[in-house]
């Protein structure tokens, strides 16, 4: 009888430990990243389809403070207010708070947003968005010209 009581006490103690451990799991997604901004643009747009262009935008944002933060997802659309989802996902930036998009074409408008995700793959809402339109020709500018850069 003593062994049976010990087994029940031991199992009861383990159940309490598991219940306590379960209650400490953070089930909330991270906060949206803050202060997304374009910090540099570059490349040369020649306006000649036979000449290569090297257009890029580098952006950064403030780091999230959650202890279970795992990284950031970068999304790109073509219009302000675009929805964040699988069709607009561009890249996983990992834990970095900077990202360079080097797949740009002259004369198009690009809009970016960033989300944060935690160890449980729970994703935050989107950050503010930033917008950039690479120039169409070298006459317009070399090293790019920001036509529209704003926060929402």
Protein backbone atom coordinates (compact mmCIF):
# COMPACT_ATOMS: atom_id res chain seq x y z
CA UNK A 1 0.00 0.00 0.00
CA UNK A 2 2.89 2.31 0.79
CA UNK A 3 4.30 1.85 -2.76
CA UNK A 4 0.97 2.68 -4.34
CA UNK A 5 0.70 5.89 -2.31
CA UNK A 6 4.27 6.86 -3.26
CA UNK A 7 3.56 6.30 -6.97
CA UNK A 8 0.40 8.40 -6.78
CA UNK A 9 2.24 11.18 -4.93
CA UNK A 10 5.08 11.06 -7.47
CA UNK A 11 2.67 11.20 -10.42
CA UNK A 12 0.71 13.99 -8.77
CA UNK A 13 3.90 16.01 -8.24
CA UNK A 14 4.87 15.52 -11.92
CA UNK A 15 1.41 16.63 -13.03
CA UNK A 16 1.74 19.82 -10.98
CA UNK A 17 5.18 20.51 -12.51
CA UNK A 18 3.87 19.96 -16.03
CA UNK A 19 0.88 22.21 -15.38
CA UNK A 20 3.19 24.95 -14.09
CA UNK A 21 5.57 24.59 -17.03
CA UNK A 22 2.65 24.73 -19.48
CA UNK A 23 1.39 27.95 -17.93
CA UNK A 24 4.74 29.68 -18.57
CA UNK A 25 4.66 29.14 -22.35
CA UNK A 26 4.20 32.54 -23.99
CA UNK A 27 1.35 32.02 -26.42
CA UNK A 28 1.21 35.65 -27.57
CA UNK A 29 2.70 36.73 -30.90
CA UNK A 30 5.41 39.42 -30.83
CA UNK A 31 4.59 43.09 -31.19
CA UNK A 32 4.81 44.52 -34.72
CA UNK A 33 8.27 45.86 -35.60
CA UNK A 34 8.56 49.63 -35.19
CA UNK A 35 10.14 52.43 -37.25
CA UNK A 36 10.73 50.66 -40.56
CA UNK A 37 12.64 53.05 -42.82
CA UNK A 38 14.71 53.05 -45.99
CA UNK A 39 18.31 53.86 -45.10
CA UNK A 40 19.94 53.63 -48.52
CA UNK A 41 19.13 53.17 -52.18
CA UNK A 42 21.57 52.49 -54.94
CA UNK A 43 22.33 51.32 -58.38
CA UNK A 44 22.26 52.71 -61.85
CA UNK A 45 19.20 52.75 -64.05
CA UNK A 46 20.30 53.30 -67.64
CA UNK A 47 16.91 53.15 -69.30
CA UNK A 48 18.44 50.78 -71.86
CA UNK A 49 17.07 47.24 -71.71
CA UNK A 50 20.37 45.85 -73.04
CA UNK A 51 22.37 47.39 -70.17
CA UNK A 52 22.30 45.73 -66.78
CA UNK A 53 20.91 47.59 -63.83
CA UNK A 54 21.81 47.06 -60.22
CA UNK A 55 19.06 48.60 -58.16
CA UNK A 56 18.66 48.01 -54.46
CA UNK A 57 17.02 49.35 -51.31
CA UNK A 58 18.29 48.76 -47.79
CA UNK A 59 15.85 49.16 -44.93
CA UNK A 60 16.08 48.82 -41.18
CA UNK A 61 13.78 48.76 -38.17
CA UNK A 62 14.00 48.78 -34.38
CA UNK A 63 14.66 45.39 -32.76
CA UNK A 64 11.80 43.75 -30.87
CA UNK A 65 12.41 43.07 -27.18
CA UNK A 66 10.52 39.79 -26.69
CA UNK A 67 12.77 37.08 -25.20
CA UNK A 68 11.28 34.41 -27.47
CA UNK A 69 11.74 36.43 -30.69
CA UNK A 70 13.08 34.22 -33.49
CA UNK A 71 13.21 36.61 -36.45
CA UNK A 72 11.53 38.82 -38.99
CA UNK A 73 9.65 38.29 -42.26
CA UNK A 74 9.83 40.86 -45.06
CA UNK A 75 6.85 41.40 -47.36
CA UNK A 76 6.71 43.36 -50.62
CA UNK A 77 3.76 44.68 -52.59
CA UNK A 78 3.17 47.14 -55.39
CA UNK A 79 0.58 49.40 -53.73
CA UNK A 80 0.30 51.00 -50.29
CA UNK A 81 -1.98 49.05 -47.99
CA UNK A 82 -1.19 45.65 -49.59
CA UNK A 83 -2.12 42.59 -47.49
CA UNK A 84 0.60 40.63 -45.71
CA UNK A 85 0.43 36.94 -46.65
CA UNK A 86 2.01 34.10 -48.63
CA UNK A 87 1.58 35.94 -51.94
CA UNK A 88 3.53 38.98 -50.76
CA UNK A 89 6.19 37.25 -48.63
CA UNK A 90 9.66 38.20 -49.86
CA UNK A 91 12.20 36.81 -47.38
CA UNK A 92 13.00 35.65 -43.87
CA UNK A 93 15.50 38.17 -42.51
CA UNK A 94 16.28 35.96 -39.51
CA UNK A 95 17.21 37.93 -36.40
CA UNK A 96 18.71 40.81 -38.42
CA UNK A 97 17.02 44.21 -38.28
CA UNK A 98 18.25 45.24 -41.73
CA UNK A 99 17.34 43.87 -45.13
CA UNK A 100 18.45 44.68 -48.67
CA UNK A 101 16.11 44.04 -51.60
CA UNK A 102 18.17 43.94 -54.77
CA UNK A 103 15.51 42.63 -57.15
CA UNK A 104 14.09 45.96 -58.32
CA UNK A 105 13.18 47.25 -61.77
CA UNK A 106 13.21 50.90 -62.90
CA UNK A 107 9.85 52.64 -63.08
CA UNK A 108 8.00 50.29 -60.70
CA UNK A 109 6.70 51.16 -57.26
CA UNK A 110 7.64 48.89 -54.35
CA UNK A 111 6.13 48.83 -50.87
CA UNK A 112 7.61 46.88 -47.93
CA UNK A 113 6.36 45.78 -44.51
CA UNK A 114 8.02 43.64 -41.84
CA UNK A 115 6.56 41.25 -39.26
CA UNK A 116 8.20 39.58 -36.28
CA UNK A 117 7.82 35.91 -35.34
CA UNK A 118 8.67 33.96 -32.20
CA UNK A 119 9.97 30.49 -31.37
CA UNK A 120 6.45 29.08 -31.77
CA UNK A 121 6.17 30.63 -35.30
CA UNK A 122 3.50 33.06 -34.11
CA UNK A 123 3.67 36.15 -36.28
CA UNK A 124 3.03 39.78 -35.35
CA UNK A 125 0.97 42.24 -37.27
CA UNK A 126 2.83 44.27 -39.89
CA UNK A 127 5.09 47.25 -39.30
CA UNK A 128 4.55 50.61 -40.93
CA UNK A 129 5.23 50.48 -44.67
CA UNK A 130 7.88 52.18 -46.76
CA UNK A 131 7.66 52.95 -50.48
CA UNK A 132 10.29 53.40 -53.20
CA UNK A 133 10.16 53.88 -56.99
CA UNK A 134 13.52 53.33 -58.74
CA UNK A 135 14.22 55.92 -61.44
CA UNK A 136 13.57 55.09 -65.06
CA UNK A 137 16.77 56.59 -66.49
CA UNK A 138 20.26 57.64 -65.48
CA UNK A 139 19.30 61.20 -66.44
CA UNK A 140 16.79 61.17 -63.62
CA UNK A 141 19.46 60.21 -61.08
CA UNK A 142 22.32 57.91 -60.35
CA UNK A 143 22.16 56.21 -56.94
CA UNK A 144 18.42 56.40 -57.02
CA UNK A 145 15.90 59.01 -56.03
CA UNK A 146 13.31 58.43 -53.42
CA UNK A 147 10.04 59.59 -54.92
CA UNK A 148 7.82 58.48 -52.14
CA UNK A 149 9.05 57.52 -48.73
CA UNK A 150 6.61 57.64 -45.90
CA UNK A 151 5.36 55.83 -42.86
CA UNK A 152 1.84 54.64 -42.38
